[in-house]
């Protein structure tokens, strides 16, 4: 069962905003834009959108998980495109292919980050991963609606549960949501998307993401 769709996300961040964003990014800023955000519990491949995100590795190996499913369903043409883009993937950490046999215009393949022992680097890597995704999506003029899974929370080891000091939510969902929200502020030259759908594989993940969204942006 999918969650309630079409959450209209209008965010204005200022010095008076009761959010953690200024703390996370060590600056004071004001962002004003309108973008539609969906957080759903469901199947990424069933979302009606222009493009989806495939969490993979720098080799575009298709060896397991969602990466394997997407490359198998995409057929030989998708596998051939992935093979040709491997050198670019190692450099850019994200590449774009056609949807091929899948019902999408494009697939954005991104190297999923993995938790490291040096914790200070982990959330910077996660944030940059989502910015890589959005940079590639904004560069395709026919992508207006992007659907993505919770990249990094599977084999990458990022936890939606681990609390961060005194805040009531985990830093992983805070990082994911704030990276998406602040992308137009950080990459003002990039074309903003009209809609982003975050697809949660489990109901528990969906509940945690919705709770974080409400807490982070002071939505009731």
C-alpha atoms as a PDB file:
ATOM      1  CA  UNK A   1       0.000   0.000   0.000  1.00  0.00           C
ATOM      2  CA  UNK A   2       1.358   3.388  -0.963  1.00  0.00           C
ATOM      3  CA  UNK A   3       1.431   6.363   1.376  1.00  0.00           C
ATOM      4  CA  UNK A   4      -0.519   9.567   0.937  1.00  0.00           C
ATOM      5  CA  UNK A   5       0.823  11.162  -2.250  1.00  0.00           C
ATOM      6  CA  UNK A   6       1.421  14.710  -3.417  1.00  0.00           C
ATOM      7  CA  UNK A   7       2.741  16.377  -0.314  1.00  0.00           C
ATOM      8  CA  UNK A   8       3.263  19.960  -1.427  1.00  0.00           C
ATOM      9  CA  UNK A   9       6.659  21.024  -0.186  1.00  0.00           C
ATOM     10  CA  UNK A  10       7.100  24.785   0.137  1.00  0.00           C
ATOM     11  CA  UNK A  11      10.142  25.578   2.194  1.00  0.00           C
ATOM     12  CA  UNK A  12      11.433  28.937   3.327  1.00  0.00           C
ATOM     13  CA  UNK A  13      14.503  28.806   5.539  1.00  0.00           C
ATOM     14  CA  UNK A  14      15.638  31.908   7.390  1.00  0.00           C
ATOM     15  CA  UNK A  15      17.514  32.794  10.549  1.00  0.00           C
ATOM     16  CA  UNK A  16      14.313  32.405  12.539  1.00  0.00           C
ATOM     17  CA  UNK A  17      13.390  28.995  11.139  1.00  0.00           C
ATOM     18  CA  UNK A  18      13.373  26.306  13.876  1.00  0.00           C
ATOM     19  CA  UNK A  19      15.266  23.738  11.814  1.00  0.00           C
ATOM     20  CA  UNK A  20      18.588  21.944  12.052  1.00  0.00           C
ATOM     21  CA  UNK A  21      19.646  22.972   8.538  1.00  0.00           C
ATOM     22  CA  UNK A  22      21.752  25.978   9.508  1.00  0.00           C
ATOM     23  CA  UNK A  23      23.534  23.810  12.067  1.00  0.00           C
ATOM     24  CA  UNK A  24      24.255  21.075   9.526  1.00  0.00           C
ATOM     25  CA  UNK A  25      25.640  23.410   6.889  1.00  0.00           C
ATOM     26  CA  UNK A  26      27.387  25.918   9.172  1.00  0.00           C
ATOM     27  CA  UNK A  27      25.793  28.926   7.552  1.00  0.00           C
ATOM     28  CA  UNK A  28      22.745  31.121   7.630  1.00  0.00           C
ATOM     29  CA  UNK A  29      20.778  31.370   4.454  1.00  0.00           C
ATOM     30  CA  UNK A  30      17.345  31.852   3.012  1.00  0.00           C
ATOM     31  CA  UNK A  31      15.844  29.513   0.438  1.00  0.00           C
ATOM     32  CA  UNK A  32      12.476  30.018  -1.177  1.00  0.00           C
ATOM     33  CA  UNK A  33      11.128  27.658  -3.817  1.00  0.00           C
ATOM     34  CA  UNK A  34       8.214  25.360  -4.501  1.00  0.00           C
ATOM     35  CA  UNK A  35       8.633  21.674  -5.265  1.00  0.00           C
ATOM     36  CA  UNK A  36       6.336  18.722  -4.897  1.00  0.00           C
ATOM     37  CA  UNK A  37       7.665  15.954  -2.663  1.00  0.00           C
ATOM     38  CA  UNK A  38       6.167  12.502  -2.270  1.00  0.00           C
ATOM     39  CA  UNK A  39       7.205  10.003   0.364  1.00  0.00           C
ATOM     40  CA  UNK A  40       5.593   6.652  -0.356  1.00  0.00           C
ATOM     41  CA  UNK A  41       5.786   3.021   0.696  1.00  0.00           C
ATOM     42  CA  UNK A  42       5.858   0.960  -2.457  1.00  0.00           C
ATOM     43  CA  UNK A  43       7.715  -0.398  -5.472  1.00  0.00           C
ATOM     44  CA  UNK A  44      10.126   1.956  -7.234  1.00  0.00           C
ATOM     45  CA  UNK A  45       9.479   0.282 -10.590  1.00  0.00           C
ATOM     46  CA  UNK A  46       5.737   0.936 -10.328  1.00  0.00           C
ATOM     47  CA  UNK A  47       6.020   4.718  -9.939  1.00  0.00           C
ATOM     48  CA  UNK A  48       4.680   6.736 -12.868  1.00  0.00           C
ATOM     49  CA  UNK A  49       7.582   9.131 -13.441  1.00  0.00           C
ATOM     50  CA  UNK A  50      10.142  10.298 -15.984  1.00  0.00           C
ATOM     51  CA  UNK A  51      13.199   8.699 -14.395  1.00  0.00           C
ATOM     52  CA  UNK A  52      14.268   6.442 -11.548  1.00  0.00           C
ATOM     53  CA  UNK A  53      17.492   6.097  -9.575  1.00  0.00           C
ATOM     54  CA  UNK A  54      19.469   2.866  -9.497  1.00  0.00           C
ATOM     55  CA  UNK A  55      21.847   2.500  -6.520  1.00  0.00           C
ATOM     56  CA  UNK A  56      24.859   0.592  -7.794  1.00  0.00           C
ATOM     57  CA  UNK A  57      28.656   0.597  -7.555  1.00  0.00           C
ATOM     58  CA  UNK A  58      31.363   2.289  -9.616  1.00  0.00           C
ATOM     59  CA  UNK A  59      31.486  -0.767 -11.907  1.00  0.00           C
ATOM     60  CA  UNK A  60      27.741  -0.742 -12.691  1.00  0.00           C
ATOM     61  CA  UNK A  61      27.972  -4.440 -11.887  1.00  0.00           C
ATOM     62  CA  UNK A  62      24.285  -5.292 -11.487  1.00  0.00           C
ATOM     63  CA  UNK A  63      25.258  -8.027  -9.081  1.00  0.00           C
ATOM     64  CA  UNK A  64      22.600  -7.686  -6.419  1.00  0.00           C
ATOM     65  CA  UNK A  65      19.589  -5.984  -4.931  1.00  0.00           C
ATOM     66  CA  UNK A  66      17.728  -3.309  -6.841  1.00  0.00           C
ATOM     67  CA  UNK A  67      20.687  -2.867  -9.200  1.00  0.00           C
ATOM     68  CA  UNK A  68      20.346  -6.471 -10.374  1.00  0.00           C
ATOM     69  CA  UNK A  69      16.574  -6.211 -10.808  1.00  0.00           C
ATOM     70  CA  UNK A  70      16.783  -2.972 -12.805  1.00  0.00           C
ATOM     71  CA  UNK A  71      19.517  -4.209 -15.128  1.00  0.00           C
ATOM     72  CA  UNK A  72      17.734  -7.521 -15.725  1.00  0.00           C
ATOM     73  CA  UNK A  73      14.418  -5.853 -16.492  1.00  0.00           C
ATOM     74  CA  UNK A  74      16.132  -3.251 -18.661  1.00  0.00           C
ATOM     75  CA  UNK A  75      17.420  -5.955 -20.984  1.00  0.00           C
ATOM     76  CA  UNK A  76      20.539  -6.287 -23.092  1.00  0.00           C
ATOM     77  CA  UNK A  77      20.405  -2.698 -24.351  1.00  0.00           C
ATOM     78  CA  UNK A  78      20.606  -1.342 -20.797  1.00  0.00           C
ATOM     79  CA  UNK A  79      23.467  -3.699 -19.962  1.00  0.00           C
ATOM     80  CA  UNK A  80      25.326  -2.518 -23.069  1.00  0.00           C
ATOM     81  CA  UNK A  81      24.854   1.142 -22.124  1.00  0.00           C
ATOM     82  CA  UNK A  82      26.113   0.404 -18.606  1.00  0.00           C
ATOM     83  CA  UNK A  83      29.192  -1.337 -19.987  1.00  0.00           C
ATOM     84  CA  UNK A  84      29.997   1.682 -22.167  1.00  0.00           C
ATOM     85  CA  UNK A  85      29.576   4.108 -19.257  1.00  0.00           C
ATOM     86  CA  UNK A  86      31.828   2.352 -16.751  1.00  0.00           C
ATOM     87  CA  UNK A  87      34.829   4.678 -17.301  1.00  0.00           C
ATOM     88  CA  UNK A  88      32.579   7.733 -16.846  1.00  0.00           C
ATOM     89  CA  UNK A  89      30.978   6.189 -13.757  1.00  0.00           C
ATOM     90  CA  UNK A  90      34.347   5.836 -12.034  1.00  0.00           C
ATOM     91  CA  UNK A  91      34.954   9.556 -12.592  1.00  0.00           C
ATOM     92  CA  UNK A  92      31.505  11.106 -12.010  1.00  0.00           C
ATOM     93  CA  UNK A  93      29.988   8.548  -9.569  1.00  0.00           C
ATOM     94  CA  UNK A  94      26.664   8.958 -11.418  1.00  0.00           C
ATOM     95  CA  UNK A  95      25.621   8.372 -15.037  1.00  0.00           C
ATOM     96  CA  UNK A  96      22.400   8.468 -17.062  1.00  0.00           C
ATOM     97  CA  UNK A  97      21.090   5.776 -19.408  1.00  0.00           C
ATOM     98  CA  UNK A  98      17.877   5.351 -21.331  1.00  0.00           C
ATOM     99  CA  UNK A  99      15.054   3.439 -19.689  1.00  0.00           C
ATOM    100  CA  UNK A 100      15.333   0.759 -22.381  1.00  0.00           C
ATOM    101  CA  UNK A 101      12.761  -1.978 -21.635  1.00  0.00           C
ATOM    102  CA  UNK A 102      11.631  -0.245 -18.442  1.00  0.00           C
ATOM    103  CA  UNK A 103       8.804   2.340 -18.688  1.00  0.00           C
ATOM    104  CA  UNK A 104      10.997   5.348 -17.913  1.00  0.00           C
ATOM    105  CA  UNK A 105      12.711   7.924 -20.110  1.00  0.00           C
ATOM    106  CA  UNK A 106      15.944   7.613 -18.150  1.00  0.00           C
ATOM    107  CA  UNK A 107      17.671   5.741 -15.356  1.00  0.00           C
ATOM    108  CA  UNK A 108      20.183   7.556 -13.171  1.00  0.00           C
ATOM    109  CA  UNK A 109      22.772   5.112 -11.888  1.00  0.00           C
ATOM    110  CA  UNK A 110      24.609   6.322  -8.782  1.00  0.00           C
ATOM    111  CA  UNK A 111      27.479   4.866  -6.786  1.00  0.00           C
ATOM    112  CA  UNK A 112      25.902   4.240  -3.406  1.00  0.00           C
ATOM    113  CA  UNK A 113      28.062   5.436  -0.481  1.00  0.00           C
ATOM    114  CA  UNK A 114      29.088   3.111   2.339  1.00  0.00           C
ATOM    115  CA  UNK A 115      29.495   3.984   6.000  1.00  0.00           C
ATOM    116  CA  UNK A 116      33.139   4.438   6.959  1.00  0.00           C
ATOM    117  CA  UNK A 117      34.890   4.332  10.318  1.00  0.00           C
ATOM    118  CA  UNK A 118      35.531   8.068  10.151  1.00  0.00           C
ATOM    119  CA  UNK A 119      32.001   9.190  11.010  1.00  0.00           C
ATOM    120  CA  UNK A 120      32.533  12.847  10.149  1.00  0.00           C
ATOM    121  CA  UNK A 121      32.885  11.916   6.487  1.00  0.00           C
ATOM    122  CA  UNK A 122      29.832   9.662   6.276  1.00  0.00           C
ATOM    123  CA  UNK A 123      27.061  12.212   6.060  1.00  0.00           C
ATOM    124  CA  UNK A 124      29.034  14.469   3.746  1.00  0.00           C
ATOM    125  CA  UNK A 125      29.369  11.476   1.389  1.00  0.00           C
ATOM    126  CA  UNK A 126      25.648  10.744   1.647  1.00  0.00           C
ATOM    127  CA  UNK A 127      24.717  14.373   0.978  1.00  0.00           C
ATOM    128  CA  UNK A 128      27.037  14.530  -2.035  1.00  0.00           C
ATOM    129  CA  UNK A 129      25.548  11.293  -3.396  1.00  0.00           C
ATOM    130  CA  UNK A 130      22.072  12.844  -3.505  1.00  0.00           C
ATOM    131  CA  UNK A 131      23.460  16.014  -5.041  1.00  0.00           C
ATOM    132  CA  UNK A 132      25.119  13.885  -7.738  1.00  0.00           C
ATOM    133  CA  UNK A 133      21.736  12.316  -8.471  1.00  0.00           C
ATOM    134  CA  UNK A 134      19.934  15.652  -8.700  1.00  0.00           C
ATOM    135  CA  UNK A 135      22.676  17.201 -10.827  1.00  0.00           C
ATOM    136  CA  UNK A 136      22.315  14.432 -13.401  1.00  0.00           C
ATOM    137  CA  UNK A 137      18.517  14.635 -13.303  1.00  0.00           C
ATOM    138  CA  UNK A 138      18.457  18.403 -13.779  1.00  0.00           C
ATOM    139  CA  UNK A 139      20.760  18.041 -16.778  1.00  0.00           C
ATOM    140  CA  UNK A 140      18.120  16.046 -18.675  1.00  0.00           C
ATOM    141  CA  UNK A 141      15.500  18.453 -20.002  1.00  0.00           C
ATOM    142  CA  UNK A 142      12.815  15.761 -20.180  1.00  0.00           C
ATOM    143  CA  UNK A 143      13.068  14.768 -16.513  1.00  0.00           C
ATOM    144  CA  UNK A 144      10.475  16.615 -14.457  1.00  0.00           C
ATOM    145  CA  UNK A 145       9.486  13.874 -12.021  1.00  0.00           C
ATOM    146  CA  UNK A 146      12.196  11.727 -10.419  1.00  0.00           C
ATOM    147  CA  UNK A 147      11.652   8.684  -8.209  1.00  0.00           C
ATOM    148  CA  UNK A 148      14.421   7.370  -6.000  1.00  0.00           C
ATOM    149  CA  UNK A 149      14.894   4.777  -3.256  1.00  0.00           C
ATOM    150  CA  UNK A 150      16.636   5.475   0.049  1.00  0.00           C
ATOM    151  CA  UNK A 151      20.110   5.297  -1.453  1.00  0.00           C
ATOM    152  CA  UNK A 152      22.763   4.281   1.075  1.00  0.00           C
ATOM    153  CA  UNK A 153      20.415   2.702   3.609  1.00  0.00           C
ATOM    154  CA  UNK A 154      20.730  -0.857   2.309  1.00  0.00           C
ATOM    155  CA  UNK A 155      24.143  -2.468   2.010  1.00  0.00           C
ATOM    156  CA  UNK A 156      25.625   1.016   2.425  1.00  0.00           C
ATOM    157  CA  UNK A 157      24.933   0.757   6.141  1.00  0.00           C
ATOM    158  CA  UNK A 158      23.312   4.151   6.786  1.00  0.00           C
ATOM    159  CA  UNK A 159      20.764   3.756   9.568  1.00  0.00           C
ATOM    160  CA  UNK A 160      17.341   5.382   9.733  1.00  0.00           C
ATOM    161  CA  UNK A 161      17.240   4.524  13.444  1.00  0.00           C
ATOM    162  CA  UNK A 162      20.465   5.745  15.036  1.00  0.00           C
ATOM    163  CA  UNK A 163      19.714   8.951  17.008  1.00  0.00           C
ATOM    164  CA  UNK A 164      21.949  12.002  16.739  1.00  0.00           C
ATOM    165  CA  UNK A 165      22.780  13.439  20.167  1.00  0.00           C
ATOM    166  CA  UNK A 166      19.690  15.219  21.476  1.00  0.00           C
ATOM    167  CA  UNK A 167      17.539  15.392  18.340  1.00  0.00           C
ATOM    168  CA  UNK A 168      14.619  12.927  18.201  1.00  0.00           C
ATOM    169  CA  UNK A 169      15.360  11.599  14.705  1.00  0.00           C
ATOM    170  CA  UNK A 170      18.304   9.911  13.007  1.00  0.00           C
ATOM    171  CA  UNK A 171      20.823  11.927  11.013  1.00  0.00           C
ATOM    172  CA  UNK A 172      20.503   9.743   7.894  1.00  0.00           C
ATOM    173  CA  UNK A 173      16.921  10.782   6.997  1.00  0.00           C
ATOM    174  CA  UNK A 174      17.764  14.369   8.011  1.00  0.00           C
ATOM    175  CA  UNK A 175      20.688  14.335   5.580  1.00  0.00           C
ATOM    176  CA  UNK A 176      18.628  12.841   2.747  1.00  0.00           C
ATOM    177  CA  UNK A 177      15.767  15.316   3.072  1.00  0.00           C
ATOM    178  CA  UNK A 178      17.956  18.358   3.622  1.00  0.00           C
ATOM    179  CA  UNK A 179      20.186  17.445   0.653  1.00  0.00           C
ATOM    180  CA  UNK A 180      17.116  17.332  -1.594  1.00  0.00           C
ATOM    181  CA  UNK A 181      15.681  20.530  -0.124  1.00  0.00           C
ATOM    182  CA  UNK A 182      18.902  22.535  -0.349  1.00  0.00           C
ATOM    183  CA  UNK A 183      19.950  21.403  -3.823  1.00  0.00           C
ATOM    184  CA  UNK A 184      18.478  24.497  -5.574  1.00  0.00           C
ATOM    185  CA  UNK A 185      20.339  26.689  -3.054  1.00  0.00           C
ATOM    186  CA  UNK A 186      23.690  24.960  -3.572  1.00  0.00           C
ATOM    187  CA  UNK A 187      23.371  24.449  -7.350  1.00  0.00           C
ATOM    188  CA  UNK A 188      21.642  27.611  -8.528  1.00  0.00           C
ATOM    189  CA  UNK A 189      22.751  26.968 -12.127  1.00  0.00           C
ATOM    190  CA  UNK A 190      20.848  23.661 -12.266  1.00  0.00           C
ATOM    191  CA  UNK A 191      17.252  23.368 -13.430  1.00  0.00           C
ATOM    192  CA  UNK A 192      14.996  22.438 -10.488  1.00  0.00           C
ATOM    193  CA  UNK A 193      12.735  19.410 -10.807  1.00  0.00           C
ATOM    194  CA  UNK A 194       8.980  19.682 -10.461  1.00  0.00           C
ATOM    195  CA  UNK A 195       8.506  16.585  -8.330  1.00  0.00           C
ATOM    196  CA  UNK A 196      10.584  14.068  -6.399  1.00  0.00           C
ATOM    197  CA  UNK A 197       9.183  10.804  -5.089  1.00  0.00           C
ATOM    198  CA  UNK A 198      11.077   9.076  -2.288  1.00  0.00           C
ATOM    199  CA  UNK A 199      10.146   5.390  -2.356  1.00  0.00           C
ATOM    200  CA  UNK A 200      10.498   3.463   0.903  1.00  0.00           C
ATOM    201  CA  UNK A 201      10.833  -0.297   0.591  1.00  0.00           C
ATOM    202  CA  UNK A 202       9.405  -1.032   4.042  1.00  0.00           C
ATOM    203  CA  UNK A 203       6.546   0.478   5.994  1.00  0.00           C
ATOM    204  CA  UNK A 204       8.910   1.155   8.906  1.00  0.00           C
ATOM    205  CA  UNK A 205      11.199   3.211   6.659  1.00  0.00           C
ATOM    206  CA  UNK A 206       8.197   5.120   5.336  1.00  0.00           C
ATOM    207  CA  UNK A 207       7.066   5.999   8.866  1.00  0.00           C
ATOM    208  CA  UNK A 208      10.578   7.144   9.861  1.00  0.00           C
ATOM    209  CA  UNK A 209      10.949   9.319   6.772  1.00  0.00           C
ATOM    210  CA  UNK A 210       7.549  10.935   7.301  1.00  0.00           C
ATOM    211  CA  UNK A 211       8.326  11.600  10.972  1.00  0.00           C
ATOM    212  CA  UNK A 212      11.665  13.156  10.046  1.00  0.00           C
ATOM    213  CA  UNK A 213      10.061  15.281   7.351  1.00  0.00           C
ATOM    214  CA  UNK A 214       7.526  16.668   9.823  1.00  0.00           C
ATOM    215  CA  UNK A 215      10.178  17.328  12.453  1.00  0.00           C
ATOM    216  CA  UNK A 216      12.791  18.798  10.135  1.00  0.00           C
ATOM    217  CA  UNK A 217      10.506  21.253   8.366  1.00  0.00           C
ATOM    218  CA  UNK A 218       8.191  21.916  11.271  1.00  0.00           C
ATOM    219  CA  UNK A 219       5.174  20.490   9.430  1.00  0.00           C
ATOM    220  CA  UNK A 220       2.108  19.389  11.394  1.00  0.00           C
END
